[in-house]
Amino acid sequence: MIFGKYENNKLTVVDTLDSAEEMKARGYFTVPRGTIAGLQKDFYNKDFSLKTVSELVENNLLAIKATEKVLDNRIVDKSEHELMIDGLKDIPNNLKLVNGKIEPKTLNELYTDKVISKDEWLAPIRGQRNQLLNDVDLIYCNALNLSDMSDTMVDKWKEYKLALKDYPSIATVSSEFPSLPQGV
């Protein structure tokens, strides 16, 4: 509820009070959410049409809570998402605020923030590494291609495959997968 009081022929809106009894004792009245009370001239346009809730809020004739907004000429509660953006609700550990939008954190951010374990962080890295190893075996290091390669090139591919196999044990948030051998 929004609480208000008439003083000097003007409606004063009060945002918070402890209890309804305290308001009544002070002479305040209640205005149900989504409605406009009183016949004050500030509530009307020049053509005697009632101002919208948006206009009343914009002109400081009607106060709304930080957790509320005006939607379709009604006062409604903000969504969980809007409350997070406005800083009125904590953002879960797996999300972040970027340029006024809530976005999921990357795996690296989740691991750095200790939201996920090292094993959970390494699972997709291992999957990508396995795909790279399969590609190397199918495309570059198959029997047909190996017979055409120089000994130096075969050694480079062996080193590359070994680096891929070892990568999960040495991976850090800022490290990248080993590069393909030169001369491919």
N, C-alpha and C. Protein backbone atom coordinates (compact mmCIF):
# COMPACT_ATOMS: atom_id res chain seq x y z
N MET A 1 0.83 -1.19 0.00
CA MET A 1 0.00 0.00 0.00
C MET A 1 0.88 1.25 0.00
N ILE A 2 0.36 2.28 -0.62
CA ILE A 2 1.02 3.58 -0.61
C ILE A 2 0.27 4.44 0.39
N PHE A 3 0.97 5.16 1.23
CA PHE A 3 0.32 5.91 2.30
C PHE A 3 0.45 7.40 2.04
N GLY A 4 -0.63 8.13 2.29
CA GLY A 4 -0.60 9.56 2.03
C GLY A 4 -1.40 10.35 3.03
N LYS A 5 -1.27 11.68 2.96
CA LYS A 5 -1.98 12.58 3.87
C LYS A 5 -2.25 13.88 3.14
N TYR A 6 -3.46 14.44 3.33
CA TYR A 6 -3.77 15.76 2.78
C TYR A 6 -3.23 16.82 3.71
N GLU A 7 -2.46 17.75 3.18
CA GLU A 7 -1.97 18.91 3.93
C GLU A 7 -1.99 20.09 2.99
N ASN A 8 -2.61 21.18 3.41
CA ASN A 8 -2.70 22.40 2.59
C ASN A 8 -3.27 22.10 1.21
N ASN A 9 -4.31 21.31 1.18
CA ASN A 9 -5.00 20.94 -0.06
C ASN A 9 -4.09 20.23 -1.07
N LYS A 10 -3.10 19.54 -0.56
CA LYS A 10 -2.20 18.78 -1.43
C LYS A 10 -2.00 17.40 -0.83
N LEU A 11 -1.93 16.39 -1.67
CA LEU A 11 -1.71 15.02 -1.23
C LEU A 11 -0.21 14.80 -1.05
N THR A 12 0.18 14.43 0.14
CA THR A 12 1.56 14.08 0.42
C THR A 12 1.62 12.55 0.51
N VAL A 13 2.51 11.94 -0.25
CA VAL A 13 2.63 10.49 -0.25
C VAL A 13 3.81 10.10 0.63
N VAL A 14 3.58 9.14 1.52
CA VAL A 14 4.60 8.64 2.43
C VAL A 14 4.93 7.22 2.02
N ASP A 15 6.19 6.92 1.87
CA ASP A 15 6.59 5.61 1.38
C ASP A 15 6.51 4.51 2.43
N THR A 16 6.98 4.75 3.64
CA THR A 16 6.99 3.68 4.64
C THR A 16 6.59 4.19 6.01
N LEU A 17 5.83 3.39 6.71
CA LEU A 17 5.50 3.60 8.11
C LEU A 17 5.47 2.22 8.76
N ASP A 18 5.59 2.19 10.08
CA ASP A 18 5.69 0.92 10.78
C ASP A 18 4.42 0.08 10.69
N SER A 19 3.24 0.69 10.91
CA SER A 19 2.02 -0.09 10.95
C SER A 19 0.84 0.74 10.51
N ALA A 20 -0.25 0.06 10.16
CA ALA A 20 -1.47 0.75 9.76
C ALA A 20 -2.02 1.55 10.94
N GLU A 21 -1.90 1.03 12.16
CA GLU A 21 -2.40 1.74 13.34
C GLU A 21 -1.65 3.06 13.53
N GLU A 22 -0.33 3.04 13.32
CA GLU A 22 0.47 4.26 13.45
C GLU A 22 0.05 5.30 12.42
N MET A 23 -0.27 4.84 11.21
CA MET A 23 -0.71 5.77 10.17
C MET A 23 -2.04 6.41 10.53
N LYS A 24 -2.97 5.59 10.99
CA LYS A 24 -4.30 6.12 11.35
C LYS A 24 -4.17 7.12 12.50
N ALA A 25 -3.30 6.83 13.46
CA ALA A 25 -3.10 7.73 14.59
C ALA A 25 -2.53 9.07 14.13
N ARG A 26 -1.74 9.07 13.08
CA ARG A 26 -1.15 10.31 12.56
C ARG A 26 -2.07 11.01 11.54
N GLY A 27 -3.20 10.41 11.22
CA GLY A 27 -4.13 11.03 10.27
C GLY A 27 -3.86 10.69 8.82
N TYR A 28 -3.09 9.65 8.56
CA TYR A 28 -2.82 9.23 7.19
C TYR A 28 -3.94 8.33 6.70
N PHE A 29 -4.11 8.30 5.39
CA PHE A 29 -5.08 7.38 4.80
C PHE A 29 -4.33 6.47 3.84
N THR A 30 -4.95 5.38 3.44
CA THR A 30 -4.28 4.45 2.53
C THR A 30 -4.86 4.56 1.13
N VAL A 31 -3.98 4.40 0.17
CA VAL A 31 -4.38 4.39 -1.24
C VAL A 31 -4.03 3.01 -1.77
N PRO A 32 -5.01 2.16 -2.13
CA PRO A 32 -4.70 0.82 -2.63
C PRO A 32 -3.82 0.89 -3.87
N ARG A 33 -2.89 -0.07 -4.02
CA ARG A 33 -2.00 -0.10 -5.19
C ARG A 33 -2.81 -0.10 -6.47
N GLY A 34 -2.33 0.66 -7.43
CA GLY A 34 -2.96 0.67 -8.75
C GLY A 34 -4.15 1.61 -8.86
N THR A 35 -4.46 2.37 -7.80
CA THR A 35 -5.59 3.30 -7.87
C THR A 35 -5.13 4.70 -7.51
N ILE A 36 -5.96 5.65 -7.83
CA ILE A 36 -5.67 7.05 -7.53
C ILE A 36 -6.81 7.57 -6.68
N ALA A 37 -6.47 8.23 -5.58
CA ALA A 37 -7.51 8.74 -4.68
C ALA A 37 -7.47 10.26 -4.64
N GLY A 38 -8.60 10.85 -4.32
CA GLY A 38 -8.65 12.30 -4.10
C GLY A 38 -9.10 13.05 -5.33
N LEU A 39 -9.55 14.27 -5.08
CA LEU A 39 -10.03 15.12 -6.17
C LEU A 39 -9.10 16.31 -6.35
N GLN A 40 -7.86 16.14 -5.96
CA GLN A 40 -6.90 17.23 -6.06
C GLN A 40 -6.67 17.60 -7.52
N LYS A 41 -6.57 18.89 -7.80
CA LYS A 41 -6.45 19.32 -9.20
C LYS A 41 -5.17 18.82 -9.85
N ASP A 42 -4.11 18.58 -9.07
CA ASP A 42 -2.86 18.09 -9.65
C ASP A 42 -3.02 16.70 -10.26
N PHE A 43 -4.08 16.00 -9.90
CA PHE A 43 -4.31 14.65 -10.41
C PHE A 43 -5.01 14.67 -11.77
N TYR A 44 -5.39 15.85 -12.25
CA TYR A 44 -6.15 15.95 -13.48
C TYR A 44 -5.41 16.78 -14.52
N ASN A 45 -5.62 16.45 -15.78
CA ASN A 45 -5.09 17.22 -16.89
C ASN A 45 -5.98 18.43 -17.12
N LYS A 46 -5.57 19.33 -18.02
CA LYS A 46 -6.34 20.54 -18.31
C LYS A 46 -7.74 20.22 -18.84
N ASP A 47 -7.89 19.09 -19.52
CA ASP A 47 -9.20 18.70 -20.05
C ASP A 47 -10.02 17.92 -19.02
N PHE A 48 -9.59 17.94 -17.76
CA PHE A 48 -10.24 17.27 -16.63
C PHE A 48 -10.18 15.74 -16.70
N SER A 49 -9.35 15.22 -17.60
CA SER A 49 -9.13 13.77 -17.59
C SER A 49 -8.11 13.44 -16.50
N LEU A 50 -8.27 12.29 -15.89
CA LEU A 50 -7.38 11.87 -14.81
C LEU A 50 -6.00 11.57 -15.38
N LYS A 51 -4.96 12.05 -14.73
CA LYS A 51 -3.59 11.76 -15.17
C LYS A 51 -3.33 10.27 -14.98
N THR A 52 -2.43 9.77 -15.80
CA THR A 52 -2.07 8.35 -15.68
C THR A 52 -1.18 8.16 -14.46
N VAL A 53 -1.06 6.93 -14.03
CA VAL A 53 -0.18 6.62 -12.91
C VAL A 53 1.25 7.02 -13.25
N SER A 54 1.66 6.80 -14.50
CA SER A 54 3.01 7.17 -14.93
C SER A 54 3.23 8.67 -14.74
N GLU A 55 2.26 9.49 -15.15
CA GLU A 55 2.39 10.94 -15.01
C GLU A 55 2.46 11.34 -13.54
N LEU A 56 1.67 10.70 -12.71
CA LEU A 56 1.68 11.02 -11.28
C LEU A 56 3.02 10.68 -10.64
N VAL A 57 3.58 9.55 -11.03
CA VAL A 57 4.89 9.15 -10.49
C VAL A 57 5.97 10.10 -11.00
N GLU A 58 5.94 10.43 -12.31
CA GLU A 58 6.93 11.33 -12.90
C GLU A 58 6.88 12.71 -12.26
N ASN A 59 5.69 13.18 -11.89
CA ASN A 59 5.52 14.50 -11.29
C ASN A 59 5.60 14.48 -9.76
N ASN A 60 6.05 13.36 -9.20
CA ASN A 60 6.20 13.20 -7.75
C ASN A 60 4.90 13.41 -6.98
N LEU A 61 3.78 13.10 -7.60
CA LEU A 61 2.49 13.18 -6.92
C LEU A 61 2.11 11.83 -6.32
N LEU A 62 2.79 10.79 -6.75
CA LEU A 62 2.53 9.45 -6.26
C LEU A 62 3.88 8.75 -6.14
N ALA A 63 4.17 8.23 -4.96
CA ALA A 63 5.45 7.55 -4.73
C ALA A 63 5.25 6.05 -4.85
N ILE A 64 6.27 5.40 -5.41
CA ILE A 64 6.24 3.94 -5.46
C ILE A 64 7.53 3.44 -4.82
N LYS A 65 7.48 2.21 -4.35
CA LYS A 65 8.65 1.61 -3.72
C LYS A 65 9.71 1.31 -4.78
N ALA A 66 10.93 1.17 -4.33
CA ALA A 66 12.04 0.83 -5.24
C ALA A 66 11.82 -0.53 -5.88
N THR A 67 11.04 -1.38 -5.24
CA THR A 67 10.79 -2.73 -5.75
C THR A 67 9.59 -2.78 -6.68
N GLU A 68 9.02 -1.61 -7.01
CA GLU A 68 7.85 -1.54 -7.89
C GLU A 68 8.15 -0.71 -9.12
N LYS A 69 7.28 -0.84 -10.11
CA LYS A 69 7.39 -0.05 -11.33
C LYS A 69 5.98 0.19 -11.86
N VAL A 70 5.88 1.12 -12.81
CA VAL A 70 4.60 1.39 -13.46
C VAL A 70 4.56 0.63 -14.77
N LEU A 71 3.51 -0.15 -14.95
CA LEU A 71 3.34 -0.95 -16.16
C LEU A 71 1.88 -0.90 -16.57
N ASP A 72 1.61 -0.48 -17.79
CA ASP A 72 0.23 -0.38 -18.28
C ASP A 72 -0.66 0.39 -17.31
N ASN A 73 -0.17 1.54 -16.84
CA ASN A 73 -0.91 2.42 -15.95
C ASN A 73 -1.27 1.77 -14.62
N ARG A 74 -0.47 0.78 -14.22
CA ARG A 74 -0.66 0.13 -12.92
C ARG A 74 0.69 0.05 -12.23
N ILE A 75 0.66 0.00 -10.92
CA ILE A 75 1.87 -0.20 -10.16
C ILE A 75 2.00 -1.70 -9.90
N VAL A 76 3.12 -2.26 -10.33
CA VAL A 76 3.35 -3.70 -10.19
C VAL A 76 4.73 -3.94 -9.58
N ASP A 77 4.93 -5.12 -9.03
CA ASP A 77 6.24 -5.49 -8.49
C ASP A 77 7.22 -5.73 -9.63
N LYS A 78 8.48 -5.33 -9.43
CA LYS A 78 9.52 -5.60 -10.42
C LYS A 78 9.82 -7.09 -10.42
N SER A 79 10.31 -7.59 -11.55
CA SER A 79 10.68 -9.00 -11.65
C SER A 79 11.98 -9.23 -10.89
N GLU A 80 12.28 -10.50 -10.60
CA GLU A 80 13.54 -10.86 -9.94
C GLU A 80 14.73 -10.32 -10.73
N HIS A 81 14.64 -10.42 -12.04
CA HIS A 81 15.70 -9.96 -12.94
C HIS A 81 15.91 -8.45 -12.77
N GLU A 82 14.82 -7.68 -12.76
CA GLU A 82 14.92 -6.23 -12.60
C GLU A 82 15.48 -5.85 -11.23
N LEU A 83 15.09 -6.59 -10.20
CA LEU A 83 15.60 -6.32 -8.85
C LEU A 83 17.11 -6.55 -8.79
N MET A 84 17.61 -7.59 -9.50
CA MET A 84 19.05 -7.85 -9.53
C MET A 84 19.78 -6.71 -10.25
N ILE A 85 19.23 -6.27 -11.38
CA ILE A 85 19.84 -5.18 -12.15
C ILE A 85 19.90 -3.90 -11.32
N ASP A 86 18.83 -3.64 -10.55
CA ASP A 86 18.76 -2.43 -9.72
C ASP A 86 19.57 -2.56 -8.43
N GLY A 87 20.16 -3.73 -8.18
CA GLY A 87 20.95 -3.93 -6.98
C GLY A 87 20.12 -4.17 -5.73
N LEU A 88 18.85 -4.51 -5.90
CA LEU A 88 17.96 -4.74 -4.76
C LEU A 88 17.88 -6.21 -4.38
N LYS A 89 18.48 -7.06 -5.19
CA LYS A 89 18.50 -8.50 -4.92
C LYS A 89 19.88 -9.01 -5.33
N ASP A 90 20.41 -9.92 -4.53
CA ASP A 90 21.72 -10.49 -4.83
C ASP A 90 21.68 -11.28 -6.13
N ILE A 91 22.75 -11.15 -6.91
CA ILE A 91 22.88 -11.89 -8.17
C ILE A 91 23.47 -13.26 -7.82
N PRO A 92 22.86 -14.36 -8.28
CA PRO A 92 23.41 -15.70 -7.99
C PRO A 92 24.85 -15.82 -8.48
N ASN A 93 25.61 -16.73 -7.86
CA ASN A 93 27.03 -16.90 -8.17
C ASN A 93 27.31 -17.27 -9.61
N ASN A 94 26.35 -17.88 -10.29
CA ASN A 94 26.59 -18.33 -11.67
C ASN A 94 26.24 -17.25 -12.70
N LEU A 95 25.81 -16.07 -12.25
CA LEU A 95 25.44 -14.98 -13.15
C LEU A 95 26.27 -13.75 -12.85
N LYS A 96 26.27 -12.80 -13.80
CA LYS A 96 26.99 -11.54 -13.61
C LYS A 96 26.21 -10.41 -14.28
N LEU A 97 26.47 -9.19 -13.86
CA LEU A 97 25.85 -8.00 -14.43
C LEU A 97 26.82 -7.37 -15.41
N VAL A 98 26.41 -7.26 -16.69
CA VAL A 98 27.26 -6.69 -17.73
C VAL A 98 26.43 -5.68 -18.51
N ASN A 99 26.84 -4.42 -18.46
CA ASN A 99 26.16 -3.35 -19.19
C ASN A 99 24.66 -3.35 -18.95
N GLY A 100 24.26 -3.47 -17.70
CA GLY A 100 22.85 -3.42 -17.35
C GLY A 100 22.06 -4.68 -17.69
N LYS A 101 22.75 -5.76 -18.00
CA LYS A 101 22.09 -7.03 -18.32
C LYS A 101 22.67 -8.13 -17.45
N ILE A 102 21.82 -9.10 -17.11
CA ILE A 102 22.27 -10.26 -16.36
C ILE A 102 22.66 -11.34 -17.36
N GLU A 103 23.91 -11.83 -17.25
CA GLU A 103 24.41 -12.85 -18.18
C GLU A 103 25.04 -14.00 -17.39
N PRO A 104 25.08 -15.18 -17.98
CA PRO A 104 25.77 -16.28 -17.30
C PRO A 104 27.28 -16.05 -17.31
N LYS A 105 27.94 -16.50 -16.24
CA LYS A 105 29.40 -16.41 -16.19
C LYS A 105 30.00 -17.48 -17.08
N THR A 106 31.21 -17.22 -17.55
CA THR A 106 31.93 -18.22 -18.33
C THR A 106 32.46 -19.29 -17.38
N LEU A 107 32.86 -20.42 -17.94
CA LEU A 107 33.44 -21.49 -17.12
C LEU A 107 34.66 -20.98 -16.36
N ASN A 108 35.50 -20.19 -17.01
CA ASN A 108 36.68 -19.65 -16.34
C ASN A 108 36.29 -18.77 -15.17
N GLU A 109 35.27 -17.94 -15.34
CA GLU A 109 34.81 -17.08 -14.25
C GLU A 109 34.23 -17.91 -13.11
N LEU A 110 33.47 -18.94 -13.45
CA LEU A 110 32.89 -19.81 -12.42
C LEU A 110 33.99 -20.50 -11.62
N TYR A 111 35.04 -20.95 -12.31
CA TYR A 111 36.14 -21.63 -11.63
C TYR A 111 36.94 -20.63 -10.78
N THR A 112 37.23 -19.46 -11.35
CA THR A 112 37.97 -18.43 -10.62
C THR A 112 37.22 -17.99 -9.37
N ASP A 113 35.89 -17.87 -9.48
CA ASP A 113 35.06 -17.45 -8.34
C ASP A 113 34.75 -18.60 -7.39
N LYS A 114 35.31 -19.78 -7.68
CA LYS A 114 35.11 -20.99 -6.85
C LYS A 114 33.65 -21.40 -6.76
N VAL A 115 32.91 -21.19 -7.85
CA VAL A 115 31.52 -21.64 -7.93
C VAL A 115 31.48 -23.10 -8.35
N ILE A 116 32.45 -23.50 -9.19
CA ILE A 116 32.53 -24.89 -9.63
C ILE A 116 33.91 -25.45 -9.27
N SER A 117 33.99 -26.77 -9.18
CA SER A 117 35.26 -27.43 -8.83
C SER A 117 36.17 -27.50 -10.07
N LYS A 118 37.41 -27.88 -9.84
CA LYS A 118 38.36 -28.03 -10.94
C LYS A 118 37.90 -29.11 -11.91
N ASP A 119 37.37 -30.22 -11.39
CA ASP A 119 36.87 -31.28 -12.27
C ASP A 119 35.73 -30.80 -13.15
N GLU A 120 34.81 -30.01 -12.58
CA GLU A 120 33.71 -29.47 -13.38
C GLU A 120 34.23 -28.51 -14.44
N TRP A 121 35.24 -27.74 -14.08
CA TRP A 121 35.84 -26.80 -15.03
C TRP A 121 36.59 -27.54 -16.14
N LEU A 122 37.26 -28.64 -15.78
CA LEU A 122 38.07 -29.38 -16.76
C LEU A 122 37.24 -30.26 -17.69
N ALA A 123 36.01 -30.62 -17.31
CA ALA A 123 35.21 -31.54 -18.13
C ALA A 123 35.07 -31.05 -19.58
N PRO A 124 34.64 -29.81 -19.84
CA PRO A 124 34.55 -29.38 -21.24
C PRO A 124 35.91 -29.22 -21.90
N ILE A 125 36.94 -28.90 -21.11
CA ILE A 125 38.30 -28.79 -21.67
C ILE A 125 38.77 -30.17 -22.14
N ARG A 126 38.49 -31.19 -21.33
CA ARG A 126 38.85 -32.56 -21.74
C ARG A 126 38.08 -32.97 -22.99
N GLY A 127 36.81 -32.60 -23.05
CA GLY A 127 36.01 -32.92 -24.24
C GLY A 127 36.57 -32.27 -25.49
N GLN A 128 36.96 -31.00 -25.39
CA GLN A 128 37.54 -30.30 -26.53
C GLN A 128 38.89 -30.91 -26.90
N ARG A 129 39.68 -31.24 -25.88
CA ARG A 129 40.98 -31.88 -26.13
C ARG A 129 40.81 -33.22 -26.85
N ASN A 130 39.82 -34.01 -26.41
CA ASN A 130 39.56 -35.31 -27.04
C ASN A 130 39.16 -35.14 -28.50
N GLN A 131 38.36 -34.10 -28.79
CA GLN A 131 37.96 -33.84 -30.17
C GLN A 131 39.17 -33.46 -31.02
N LEU A 132 40.05 -32.64 -30.45
CA LEU A 132 41.27 -32.26 -31.18
C LEU A 132 42.15 -33.48 -31.45
N LEU A 133 42.28 -34.37 -30.47
CA LEU A 133 43.07 -35.60 -30.68
C LEU A 133 42.46 -36.47 -31.78
N ASN A 134 41.13 -36.60 -31.76
CA ASN A 134 40.46 -37.37 -32.82
C ASN A 134 40.70 -36.75 -34.19
N ASP A 135 40.61 -35.42 -34.27
CA ASP A 135 40.84 -34.73 -35.55
C ASP A 135 42.26 -34.96 -36.04
N VAL A 136 43.22 -34.89 -35.12
CA VAL A 136 44.62 -35.10 -35.49
C VAL A 136 44.80 -36.50 -36.07
N ASP A 137 44.23 -37.50 -35.41
CA ASP A 137 44.38 -38.88 -35.87
C ASP A 137 43.68 -39.10 -37.21
N LEU A 138 42.50 -38.53 -37.39
CA LEU A 138 41.74 -38.75 -38.62
C LEU A 138 42.28 -37.95 -39.80
N ILE A 139 42.67 -36.71 -39.56
CA ILE A 139 43.03 -35.82 -40.67
C ILE A 139 44.52 -35.85 -40.98
N TYR A 140 45.34 -35.73 -39.93
CA TYR A 140 46.77 -35.53 -40.17
C TYR A 140 47.61 -36.80 -39.97
N CYS A 141 47.33 -37.53 -38.92
CA CYS A 141 48.22 -38.63 -38.54
C CYS A 141 47.65 -40.00 -38.89
N ASN A 142 46.94 -40.09 -39.97
CA ASN A 142 46.47 -41.41 -40.41
C ASN A 142 47.61 -42.09 -41.18
N ALA A 143 47.46 -43.37 -41.42
CA ALA A 143 48.54 -44.16 -42.05
C ALA A 143 48.98 -43.59 -43.39
N LEU A 144 48.02 -43.09 -44.18
CA LEU A 144 48.35 -42.55 -45.50
C LEU A 144 49.22 -41.30 -45.38
N ASN A 145 48.84 -40.39 -44.50
CA ASN A 145 49.59 -39.14 -44.34
C ASN A 145 50.93 -39.35 -43.65
N LEU A 146 50.99 -40.24 -42.69
CA LEU A 146 52.25 -40.47 -41.96
C LEU A 146 53.35 -40.99 -42.89
N SER A 147 52.96 -41.81 -43.86
CA SER A 147 53.97 -42.37 -44.77
C SER A 147 54.58 -41.28 -45.67
N ASP A 148 53.83 -40.18 -45.87
CA ASP A 148 54.34 -39.08 -46.71
C ASP A 148 55.10 -38.02 -45.93
N MET A 149 55.10 -38.12 -44.58
CA MET A 149 55.73 -37.07 -43.75
C MET A 149 57.21 -37.37 -43.50
N SER A 150 57.95 -36.28 -43.34
CA SER A 150 59.37 -36.42 -42.95
C SER A 150 59.43 -36.83 -41.48
N ASP A 151 60.58 -37.35 -41.07
CA ASP A 151 60.76 -37.75 -39.67
C ASP A 151 60.59 -36.55 -38.73
N THR A 152 61.04 -35.39 -39.16
CA THR A 152 60.91 -34.17 -38.36
C THR A 152 59.45 -33.83 -38.14
N MET A 153 58.63 -33.93 -39.20
CA MET A 153 57.21 -33.62 -39.11
C MET A 153 56.49 -34.65 -38.24
N VAL A 154 56.85 -35.92 -38.34
CA VAL A 154 56.25 -36.96 -37.49
C VAL A 154 56.55 -36.66 -36.03
N ASP A 155 57.78 -36.23 -35.73
CA ASP A 155 58.15 -35.87 -34.36
C ASP A 155 57.34 -34.67 -33.86
N LYS A 156 57.11 -33.68 -34.73
CA LYS A 156 56.31 -32.51 -34.35
C LYS A 156 54.88 -32.92 -34.00
N TRP A 157 54.32 -33.85 -34.80
CA TRP A 157 52.96 -34.32 -34.51
C TRP A 157 52.91 -35.11 -33.21
N LYS A 158 53.94 -35.91 -32.94
CA LYS A 158 53.99 -36.65 -31.67
C LYS A 158 54.05 -35.68 -30.49
N GLU A 159 54.87 -34.64 -30.61
CA GLU A 159 54.97 -33.62 -29.55
C GLU A 159 53.63 -32.91 -29.36
N TYR A 160 52.97 -32.60 -30.46
CA TYR A 160 51.67 -31.92 -30.39
C TYR A 160 50.64 -32.80 -29.69
N LYS A 161 50.58 -34.08 -30.07
CA LYS A 161 49.61 -34.99 -29.46
C LYS A 161 49.92 -35.17 -27.96
N LEU A 162 51.18 -35.25 -27.61
CA LEU A 162 51.55 -35.37 -26.20
C LEU A 162 51.15 -34.11 -25.43
N ALA A 163 51.37 -32.94 -26.04
CA ALA A 163 50.97 -31.67 -25.40
C ALA A 163 49.46 -31.63 -25.20
N LEU A 164 48.69 -32.12 -26.18
CA LEU A 164 47.23 -32.16 -26.03
C LEU A 164 46.82 -33.10 -24.90
N LYS A 165 47.47 -34.27 -24.83
CA LYS A 165 47.14 -35.24 -23.77
C LYS A 165 47.44 -34.67 -22.39
N ASP A 166 48.54 -33.92 -22.26
CA ASP A 166 48.94 -33.35 -20.97
C ASP A 166 48.22 -32.05 -20.62
N TYR A 167 47.56 -31.46 -21.58
CA TYR A 167 46.98 -30.13 -21.38
C TYR A 167 46.07 -30.02 -20.15
N PRO A 168 45.12 -30.92 -19.89
CA PRO A 168 44.26 -30.75 -18.72
C PRO A 168 45.03 -30.68 -17.39
N SER A 169 46.18 -31.33 -17.32
CA SER A 169 46.94 -31.32 -16.06
C SER A 169 47.68 -30.00 -15.85
N ILE A 170 47.90 -29.23 -16.92
CA ILE A 170 48.63 -27.97 -16.78
C ILE A 170 47.74 -26.76 -17.09
N ALA A 171 46.49 -27.00 -17.44
CA ALA A 171 45.60 -25.90 -17.85
C ALA A 171 45.36 -24.92 -16.71
N THR A 172 45.34 -23.64 -17.06
CA THR A 172 44.96 -22.57 -16.14
C THR A 172 43.88 -21.75 -16.82
N VAL A 173 43.32 -20.82 -16.08
CA VAL A 173 42.24 -19.99 -16.63
C VAL A 173 42.73 -19.20 -17.84
N SER A 174 43.99 -18.79 -17.83
CA SER A 174 44.49 -17.96 -18.93
C SER A 174 45.24 -18.74 -20.01
N SER A 175 45.43 -20.05 -19.84
CA SER A 175 46.18 -20.82 -20.84
C SER A 175 45.31 -21.19 -22.04
N GLU A 176 45.98 -21.47 -23.14
CA GLU A 176 45.29 -21.86 -24.38
C GLU A 176 45.80 -23.22 -24.82
N PHE A 177 45.00 -23.89 -25.65
CA PHE A 177 45.41 -25.19 -26.17
C PHE A 177 46.68 -25.05 -26.98
N PRO A 178 47.50 -26.11 -27.04
CA PRO A 178 48.71 -26.07 -27.86
C PRO A 178 48.37 -25.77 -29.33
N SER A 179 49.29 -25.09 -29.99
CA SER A 179 49.08 -24.76 -31.41
C SER A 179 49.48 -25.93 -32.29
N LEU A 180 48.85 -25.99 -33.46
CA LEU A 180 49.22 -27.02 -34.45
C LEU A 180 50.69 -26.87 -34.82
N PRO A 181 51.34 -27.96 -35.14
CA PRO A 181 52.76 -27.87 -35.55
C PRO A 181 52.93 -26.97 -36.78
N GLN A 182 54.06 -26.31 -36.83
CA GLN A 182 54.37 -25.44 -37.98
C GLN A 182 54.56 -26.28 -39.24
N GLY A 183 54.16 -25.76 -40.36
CA GLY A 183 54.36 -26.44 -41.63
C GLY A 183 53.22 -27.38 -42.01
N VAL A 184 52.10 -27.28 -41.33
CA VAL A 184 50.95 -28.15 -41.62
C VAL A 184 50.21 -27.61 -42.81
